[in-house]
Amino acid sequence: MYASYDRDVTLVVTSTEHPTNPRGELAFGTIVCWGKHRHLGDFHIYANPIEFLMQFAHPAGVREEILRGYLLKEKSEEDTIKELYELAKSNPEVCILPFYLYEHSGQTVSTVPFSCPWDSKQVGWIYITKAQLGSFEANWDEVEKHLEKEVELYDHFIRGDVYEFELARLLECPCCKHSSKEVLARGWNFFGTDFVNNGLKEELPEEYRHLVDKLEHHRGR
């Protein structure tokens, strides 16, 4: 829990018990995973990584040669996936990044490998195509950064690093001294603890935004 005070007004920030999954219709890219990790990311119909990568692996001649080697058991599945991914990365019609999972007393995800090779591995990809971008002028460097940010957002969700706030004024009856509170503002689904940049500060009435800069962490919820 995080809290700050200014005279009779209190800002309290706590973990959201039932955060909204950021994956959905408004998601920028698509996350695809397989096996026991298929539930991560987004729904898809690809049977395996090879089937998925084949659509982006060009030129066709090289792609078919790689697949032929796999079907004839001249290449392992792992090597086939690596070679198809390299072809997909060079395809100007798609931006694709690896999707890694670290699993040890919880889960965390990233587009870059984790330092521990025993409890982490690549479990899929995140991607977007030029066709999906439509008329948007694609600067792939910017698109890639956007995909990375999207995985960071999803990581906050997986780790339960999502918050809500309540801004309230403490009221006290001058006669009986009974105390109550007047809720001035509430908000939900702020991802991560950068409360200045994750939208929480902007959600507050302007005259109380300075309370975000004074937030202190307290043990508890």
C-alpha atoms as a PDB file:
ATOM      1  CA  MET A   1       0.000   0.000   0.000  1.00  0.00           C
ATOM      2  CA  TYR A   2       1.105   3.559  -0.741  1.00  0.00           C
ATOM      3  CA  ALA A   3      -0.240   6.630   1.012  1.00  0.00           C
ATOM      4  CA  SER A   4       0.266  10.381   1.295  1.00  0.00           C
ATOM      5  CA  TYR A   5      -1.468  13.136   3.200  1.00  0.00           C
ATOM      6  CA  ASP A   6      -2.157  16.848   2.961  1.00  0.00           C
ATOM      7  CA  ARG A   7      -4.011  18.186   5.983  1.00  0.00           C
ATOM      8  CA  ASP A   8      -7.395  16.402   5.931  1.00  0.00           C
ATOM      9  CA  VAL A   9      -7.006  14.809   2.476  1.00  0.00           C
ATOM     10  CA  THR A  10      -5.515  11.328   2.005  1.00  0.00           C
ATOM     11  CA  LEU A  11      -4.396   9.515  -1.153  1.00  0.00           C
ATOM     12  CA  VAL A  12      -4.227   5.726  -0.748  1.00  0.00           C
ATOM     13  CA  VAL A  13      -2.964   3.426  -3.537  1.00  0.00           C
ATOM     14  CA  THR A  14      -3.517  -0.330  -3.182  1.00  0.00           C
ATOM     15  CA  SER A  15      -3.178  -3.434  -5.352  1.00  0.00           C
ATOM     16  CA  THR A  16      -6.146  -4.150  -7.601  1.00  0.00           C
ATOM     17  CA  GLU A  17      -7.633  -7.547  -6.709  1.00  0.00           C
ATOM     18  CA  HIS A  18      -9.216  -8.152 -10.115  1.00  0.00           C
ATOM     19  CA  PRO A  19      -7.225  -6.166 -12.706  1.00  0.00           C
ATOM     20  CA  THR A  20      -8.319  -5.936 -16.313  1.00  0.00           C
ATOM     21  CA  ASN A  21      -6.288  -8.113 -18.682  1.00  0.00           C
ATOM     22  CA  PRO A  22      -4.583  -5.724 -21.150  1.00  0.00           C
ATOM     23  CA  ARG A  23      -4.805  -8.346 -23.892  1.00  0.00           C
ATOM     24  CA  GLY A  24      -7.925  -7.841 -25.974  1.00  0.00           C
ATOM     25  CA  GLU A  25      -9.404  -5.930 -28.873  1.00  0.00           C
ATOM     26  CA  LEU A  26      -7.348  -2.813 -28.141  1.00  0.00           C
ATOM     27  CA  ALA A  27      -4.029  -4.672 -27.995  1.00  0.00           C
ATOM     28  CA  PHE A  28      -1.486  -3.437 -30.544  1.00  0.00           C
ATOM     29  CA  GLY A  29       0.340  -6.679 -31.339  1.00  0.00           C
ATOM     30  CA  THR A  30      -0.540 -10.360 -30.989  1.00  0.00           C
ATOM     31  CA  ILE A  31       1.150 -12.718 -28.505  1.00  0.00           C
ATOM     32  CA  VAL A  32       1.235 -16.395 -29.517  1.00  0.00           C
ATOM     33  CA  CYS A  33       2.360 -19.245 -27.246  1.00  0.00           C
ATOM     34  CA  TRP A  34       2.076 -23.052 -27.287  1.00  0.00           C
ATOM     35  CA  GLY A  35       1.857 -26.112 -25.069  1.00  0.00           C
ATOM     36  CA  LYS A  36       1.200 -25.541 -21.374  1.00  0.00           C
ATOM     37  CA  HIS A  37       1.825 -21.833 -21.921  1.00  0.00           C
ATOM     38  CA  ARG A  38      -0.780 -21.475 -24.664  1.00  0.00           C
ATOM     39  CA  HIS A  39      -3.036 -19.587 -22.233  1.00  0.00           C
ATOM     40  CA  LEU A  40      -0.561 -16.709 -22.150  1.00  0.00           C
ATOM     41  CA  GLY A  41      -1.132 -13.844 -24.556  1.00  0.00           C
ATOM     42  CA  ASP A  42      -3.837 -14.091 -27.194  1.00  0.00           C
ATOM     43  CA  PHE A  43      -6.035 -16.761 -28.760  1.00  0.00           C
ATOM     44  CA  HIS A  44      -4.684 -18.246 -32.003  1.00  0.00           C
ATOM     45  CA  ILE A  45      -5.231 -21.250 -34.244  1.00  0.00           C
ATOM     46  CA  TYR A  46      -1.629 -22.216 -35.064  1.00  0.00           C
ATOM     47  CA  ALA A  47      -0.855 -25.821 -34.190  1.00  0.00           C
ATOM     48  CA  ASN A  48       2.843 -25.203 -33.540  1.00  0.00           C
ATOM     49  CA  PRO A  49       5.606 -22.581 -33.957  1.00  0.00           C
ATOM     50  CA  ILE A  50       6.653 -23.934 -37.362  1.00  0.00           C
ATOM     51  CA  GLU A  51       3.169 -23.479 -38.802  1.00  0.00           C
ATOM     52  CA  PHE A  52       3.064 -19.958 -37.376  1.00  0.00           C
ATOM     53  CA  LEU A  53       6.477 -18.885 -38.713  1.00  0.00           C
ATOM     54  CA  MET A  54       5.947 -20.360 -42.175  1.00  0.00           C
ATOM     55  CA  GLN A  55       3.583 -17.519 -43.121  1.00  0.00           C
ATOM     56  CA  PHE A  56       6.284 -14.898 -42.521  1.00  0.00           C
ATOM     57  CA  ALA A  57       9.381 -16.796 -43.675  1.00  0.00           C
ATOM     58  CA  HIS A  58      10.490 -15.505 -47.081  1.00  0.00           C
ATOM     59  CA  PRO A  59      11.779 -16.054 -49.716  1.00  0.00           C
ATOM     60  CA  ALA A  60       9.575 -19.054 -50.418  1.00  0.00           C
ATOM     61  CA  GLY A  61      12.380 -21.152 -51.898  1.00  0.00           C
ATOM     62  CA  VAL A  62      14.506 -20.912 -48.761  1.00  0.00           C
ATOM     63  CA  ARG A  63      11.462 -21.501 -46.568  1.00  0.00           C
ATOM     64  CA  GLU A  64      10.514 -24.673 -48.418  1.00  0.00           C
ATOM     65  CA  GLU A  65      14.078 -25.942 -48.259  1.00  0.00           C
ATOM     66  CA  ILE A  66      14.134 -25.468 -44.495  1.00  0.00           C
ATOM     67  CA  LEU A  67      10.801 -27.270 -44.146  1.00  0.00           C
ATOM     68  CA  ARG A  68      11.985 -30.071 -46.410  1.00  0.00           C
ATOM     69  CA  GLY A  69      15.017 -30.627 -44.171  1.00  0.00           C
ATOM     70  CA  TYR A  70      12.752 -30.816 -41.144  1.00  0.00           C
ATOM     71  CA  LEU A  71      10.314 -33.268 -42.729  1.00  0.00           C
ATOM     72  CA  LEU A  72      13.202 -35.483 -43.842  1.00  0.00           C
ATOM     73  CA  LYS A  73      14.559 -35.307 -40.284  1.00  0.00           C
ATOM     74  CA  GLU A  74      17.742 -33.634 -41.504  1.00  0.00           C
ATOM     75  CA  LYS A  75      17.024 -30.714 -39.171  1.00  0.00           C
ATOM     76  CA  SER A  76      15.787 -30.705 -35.586  1.00  0.00           C
ATOM     77  CA  GLU A  77      12.614 -28.874 -34.664  1.00  0.00           C
ATOM     78  CA  GLU A  78      14.665 -26.365 -32.667  1.00  0.00           C
ATOM     79  CA  ASP A  79      16.976 -25.574 -35.611  1.00  0.00           C
ATOM     80  CA  THR A  80      14.023 -25.361 -37.995  1.00  0.00           C
ATOM     81  CA  ILE A  81      12.281 -22.825 -35.752  1.00  0.00           C
ATOM     82  CA  LYS A  82      15.464 -20.760 -35.436  1.00  0.00           C
ATOM     83  CA  GLU A  83      15.998 -20.640 -39.208  1.00  0.00           C
ATOM     84  CA  LEU A  84      12.370 -19.785 -39.940  1.00  0.00           C
ATOM     85  CA  TYR A  85      12.461 -17.044 -37.308  1.00  0.00           C
ATOM     86  CA  GLU A  86      15.560 -15.498 -38.895  1.00  0.00           C
ATOM     87  CA  LEU A  87      13.707 -15.381 -42.220  1.00  0.00           C
ATOM     88  CA  ALA A  88      10.645 -13.862 -40.546  1.00  0.00           C
ATOM     89  CA  LYS A  89      12.775 -11.181 -38.869  1.00  0.00           C
ATOM     90  CA  SER A  90      14.076 -10.067 -42.271  1.00  0.00           C
ATOM     91  CA  ASN A  91      10.561  -9.855 -43.731  1.00  0.00           C
ATOM     92  CA  PRO A  92       9.660  -6.134 -44.166  1.00  0.00           C
ATOM     93  CA  GLU A  93       5.953  -6.974 -43.860  1.00  0.00           C
ATOM     94  CA  VAL A  94       6.089  -8.030 -40.208  1.00  0.00           C
ATOM     95  CA  CYS A  95       7.625  -6.894 -36.922  1.00  0.00           C
ATOM     96  CA  ILE A  96       8.202  -9.885 -34.647  1.00  0.00           C
ATOM     97  CA  LEU A  97       9.922 -10.267 -31.264  1.00  0.00           C
ATOM     98  CA  PRO A  98      10.532 -13.305 -29.026  1.00  0.00           C
ATOM     99  CA  PHE A  99       8.374 -13.726 -25.913  1.00  0.00           C
ATOM    100  CA  TYR A 100      10.205 -15.110 -22.855  1.00  0.00           C
ATOM    101  CA  LEU A 101       8.803 -16.464 -19.592  1.00  0.00           C
ATOM    102  CA  TYR A 102      10.537 -16.726 -16.205  1.00  0.00           C
ATOM    103  CA  GLU A 103       8.676 -19.043 -13.860  1.00  0.00           C
ATOM    104  CA  HIS A 104       9.769 -19.455 -10.254  1.00  0.00           C
ATOM    105  CA  SER A 105       7.332 -18.790  -7.395  1.00  0.00           C
ATOM    106  CA  GLY A 106       5.402 -16.671  -9.858  1.00  0.00           C
ATOM    107  CA  GLN A 107       5.707 -15.597 -13.478  1.00  0.00           C
ATOM    108  CA  THR A 108       7.250 -12.679 -15.343  1.00  0.00           C
ATOM    109  CA  VAL A 109       7.563 -12.103 -19.103  1.00  0.00           C
ATOM    110  CA  SER A 110       9.837 -10.107 -21.388  1.00  0.00           C
ATOM    111  CA  THR A 111      11.014  -9.680 -24.979  1.00  0.00           C
ATOM    112  CA  VAL A 112      14.637 -10.258 -23.895  1.00  0.00           C
ATOM    113  CA  PRO A 113      16.087 -13.436 -22.324  1.00  0.00           C
ATOM    114  CA  PHE A 114      16.267 -13.755 -18.546  1.00  0.00           C
ATOM    115  CA  SER A 115      19.604 -14.405 -16.847  1.00  0.00           C
ATOM    116  CA  CYS A 116      18.485 -17.739 -15.331  1.00  0.00           C
ATOM    117  CA  PRO A 117      18.475 -20.496 -17.984  1.00  0.00           C
ATOM    118  CA  TRP A 118      16.887 -23.094 -15.690  1.00  0.00           C
ATOM    119  CA  ASP A 119      13.637 -21.326 -14.851  1.00  0.00           C
ATOM    120  CA  SER A 120      13.167 -19.343 -18.062  1.00  0.00           C
ATOM    121  CA  LYS A 121      12.750 -19.969 -21.762  1.00  0.00           C
ATOM    122  CA  GLN A 122      11.182 -18.597 -24.904  1.00  0.00           C
ATOM    123  CA  VAL A 123       7.522 -19.654 -25.071  1.00  0.00           C
ATOM    124  CA  GLY A 124       6.313 -17.681 -28.093  1.00  0.00           C
ATOM    125  CA  TRP A 125       6.403 -14.400 -30.032  1.00  0.00           C
ATOM    126  CA  ILE A 126       4.682 -11.051 -30.201  1.00  0.00           C
ATOM    127  CA  TYR A 127       4.126  -9.629 -33.681  1.00  0.00           C
ATOM    128  CA  ILE A 128       2.230  -7.205 -35.875  1.00  0.00           C
ATOM    129  CA  THR A 129       2.042  -7.000 -39.676  1.00  0.00           C
ATOM    130  CA  LYS A 130       1.918  -4.012 -41.997  1.00  0.00           C
ATOM    131  CA  ALA A 131      -1.516  -5.193 -43.097  1.00  0.00           C
ATOM    132  CA  GLN A 132      -2.716  -4.958 -39.472  1.00  0.00           C
ATOM    133  CA  LEU A 133      -1.307  -1.438 -39.203  1.00  0.00           C
ATOM    134  CA  GLY A 134      -3.414  -0.373 -42.181  1.00  0.00           C
ATOM    135  CA  SER A 135      -2.709   3.167 -43.396  1.00  0.00           C
ATOM    136  CA  PHE A 136      -0.417   3.874 -40.449  1.00  0.00           C
ATOM    137  CA  GLU A 137       3.081   4.705 -41.702  1.00  0.00           C
ATOM    138  CA  ALA A 138       5.174   1.994 -40.081  1.00  0.00           C
ATOM    139  CA  ASN A 139       8.484   3.028 -38.573  1.00  0.00           C
ATOM    140  CA  TRP A 140       9.632  -0.415 -37.481  1.00  0.00           C
ATOM    141  CA  ASP A 141      11.878   0.951 -34.728  1.00  0.00           C
ATOM    142  CA  GLU A 142       8.876   2.673 -33.169  1.00  0.00           C
ATOM    143  CA  VAL A 143       6.649  -0.352 -33.762  1.00  0.00           C
ATOM    144  CA  GLU A 144       9.199  -2.588 -32.039  1.00  0.00           C
ATOM    145  CA  LYS A 145       9.329  -0.260 -29.026  1.00  0.00           C
ATOM    146  CA  HIS A 146       5.547  -0.328 -28.890  1.00  0.00           C
ATOM    147  CA  LEU A 147       5.562  -4.148 -28.842  1.00  0.00           C
ATOM    148  CA  GLU A 148       8.144  -4.105 -26.052  1.00  0.00           C
ATOM    149  CA  LYS A 149       5.996  -1.695 -24.020  1.00  0.00           C
ATOM    150  CA  GLU A 150       2.975  -3.910 -24.582  1.00  0.00           C
ATOM    151  CA  VAL A 151       4.813  -6.918 -23.135  1.00  0.00           C
ATOM    152  CA  GLU A 152       5.905  -4.769 -20.177  1.00  0.00           C
ATOM    153  CA  LEU A 153       2.249  -3.890 -19.570  1.00  0.00           C
ATOM    154  CA  TYR A 154       1.258  -7.561 -19.765  1.00  0.00           C
ATOM    155  CA  ASP A 155       4.078  -8.403 -17.350  1.00  0.00           C
ATOM    156  CA  HIS A 156       2.615  -6.005 -14.771  1.00  0.00           C
ATOM    157  CA  PHE A 157      -0.715  -7.796 -15.149  1.00  0.00           C
ATOM    158  CA  ILE A 158       0.812 -11.290 -14.764  1.00  0.00           C
ATOM    159  CA  ARG A 159       2.749 -10.245 -11.649  1.00  0.00           C
ATOM    160  CA  GLY A 160      -0.270  -8.577 -10.060  1.00  0.00           C
ATOM    161  CA  ASP A 161       1.519  -5.229 -10.252  1.00  0.00           C
ATOM    162  CA  VAL A 162      -1.701  -3.300 -10.931  1.00  0.00           C
ATOM    163  CA  TYR A 163      -3.125  -0.591  -8.667  1.00  0.00           C
ATOM    164  CA  GLU A 164      -6.172   1.443  -7.741  1.00  0.00           C
ATOM    165  CA  PHE A 165      -6.472   4.636  -5.730  1.00  0.00           C
ATOM    166  CA  GLU A 166      -8.874   6.434  -3.454  1.00  0.00           C
ATOM    167  CA  LEU A 167      -8.633  10.132  -2.712  1.00  0.00           C
ATOM    168  CA  ALA A 168     -10.668  11.084   0.343  1.00  0.00           C
ATOM    169  CA  ARG A 169     -11.189  13.904   2.821  1.00  0.00           C
ATOM    170  CA  LEU A 170     -11.500  13.038   6.515  1.00  0.00           C
ATOM    171  CA  LEU A 171     -14.557  14.646   8.104  1.00  0.00           C
ATOM    172  CA  GLU A 172     -15.161  15.031  11.827  1.00  0.00           C
ATOM    173  CA  CYS A 173     -18.382  16.089  13.489  1.00  0.00           C
ATOM    174  CA  PRO A 174     -17.625  19.086  15.724  1.00  0.00           C
ATOM    175  CA  CYS A 175     -20.263  17.937  18.207  1.00  0.00           C
ATOM    176  CA  CYS A 176     -19.750  14.212  18.711  1.00  0.00           C
ATOM    177  CA  LYS A 177     -16.303  13.937  17.101  1.00  0.00           C
ATOM    178  CA  HIS A 178     -17.554  11.067  14.940  1.00  0.00           C
ATOM    179  CA  SER A 179     -15.311  10.721  11.897  1.00  0.00           C
ATOM    180  CA  SER A 180     -16.213   9.794   8.347  1.00  0.00           C
ATOM    181  CA  LYS A 181     -14.760  10.311   4.931  1.00  0.00           C
ATOM    182  CA  GLU A 182     -15.806  12.019   1.739  1.00  0.00           C
ATOM    183  CA  VAL A 183     -14.493  10.242  -1.362  1.00  0.00           C
ATOM    184  CA  LEU A 184     -13.196  12.835  -3.818  1.00  0.00           C
ATOM    185  CA  ALA A 185     -11.960  10.491  -6.569  1.00  0.00           C
ATOM    186  CA  ARG A 186     -11.344   6.819  -7.331  1.00  0.00           C
ATOM    187  CA  GLY A 187      -9.537   5.018 -10.141  1.00  0.00           C
ATOM    188  CA  TRP A 188      -8.535   1.494 -11.154  1.00  0.00           C
ATOM    189  CA  ASN A 189      -6.153  -0.452 -13.388  1.00  0.00           C
ATOM    190  CA  PHE A 190      -2.917   1.507 -13.210  1.00  0.00           C
ATOM    191  CA  PHE A 191      -0.066  -0.757 -14.282  1.00  0.00           C
ATOM    192  CA  GLY A 192       3.233  -0.599 -12.402  1.00  0.00           C
ATOM    193  CA  THR A 193       4.400   1.710  -9.629  1.00  0.00           C
ATOM    194  CA  ASP A 194       5.436   4.631 -11.817  1.00  0.00           C
ATOM    195  CA  PHE A 195       2.376   6.555 -10.695  1.00  0.00           C
ATOM    196  CA  VAL A 196       3.583   9.743 -12.396  1.00  0.00           C
ATOM    197  CA  ASN A 197       3.615   8.182 -15.871  1.00  0.00           C
ATOM    198  CA  ASN A 198       1.107   5.312 -15.688  1.00  0.00           C
ATOM    199  CA  GLY A 199      -1.923   7.612 -15.742  1.00  0.00           C
ATOM    200  CA  LEU A 200      -2.723   7.700 -12.034  1.00  0.00           C
ATOM    201  CA  LYS A 201      -1.452  11.248 -11.439  1.00  0.00           C
ATOM    202  CA  GLU A 202      -3.431  12.607 -14.386  1.00  0.00           C
ATOM    203  CA  GLU A 203      -6.579  10.924 -13.055  1.00  0.00           C
ATOM    204  CA  LEU A 204      -6.473  12.996  -9.871  1.00  0.00           C
ATOM    205  CA  PRO A 205      -8.043  16.451  -9.585  1.00  0.00           C
ATOM    206  CA  GLU A 206      -5.277  18.910 -10.440  1.00  0.00           C
ATOM    207  CA  GLU A 207      -5.160  20.463  -6.972  1.00  0.00           C
ATOM    208  CA  TYR A 208      -4.277  17.067  -5.457  1.00  0.00           C
ATOM    209  CA  ARG A 209      -1.758  15.757  -7.972  1.00  0.00           C
ATOM    210  CA  HIS A 210       1.145  16.801  -5.777  1.00  0.00           C
ATOM    211  CA  LEU A 211       0.144  13.975  -3.408  1.00  0.00           C
ATOM    212  CA  VAL A 212       1.530  11.449  -5.923  1.00  0.00           C
ATOM    213  CA  ASP A 213       5.019  12.886  -5.423  1.00  0.00           C
ATOM    214  CA  LYS A 214       4.647  12.385  -1.658  1.00  0.00           C
ATOM    215  CA  LEU A 215       3.503   8.739  -1.769  1.00  0.00           C
ATOM    216  CA  GLU A 216       5.278   6.436   0.680  1.00  0.00           C
ATOM    217  CA  HIS A 217       5.154   2.651   0.761  1.00  0.00           C
ATOM    218  CA  HIS A 218       3.533   0.977   3.756  1.00  0.00           C
ATOM    219  CA  ARG A 219       3.428  -2.726   4.516  1.00  0.00           C
ATOM    220  CA  GLY A 220       0.021  -4.220   3.908  1.00  0.00           C
ATOM    221  CA  ARG A 221      -2.255  -4.774   0.938  1.00  0.00           C
END
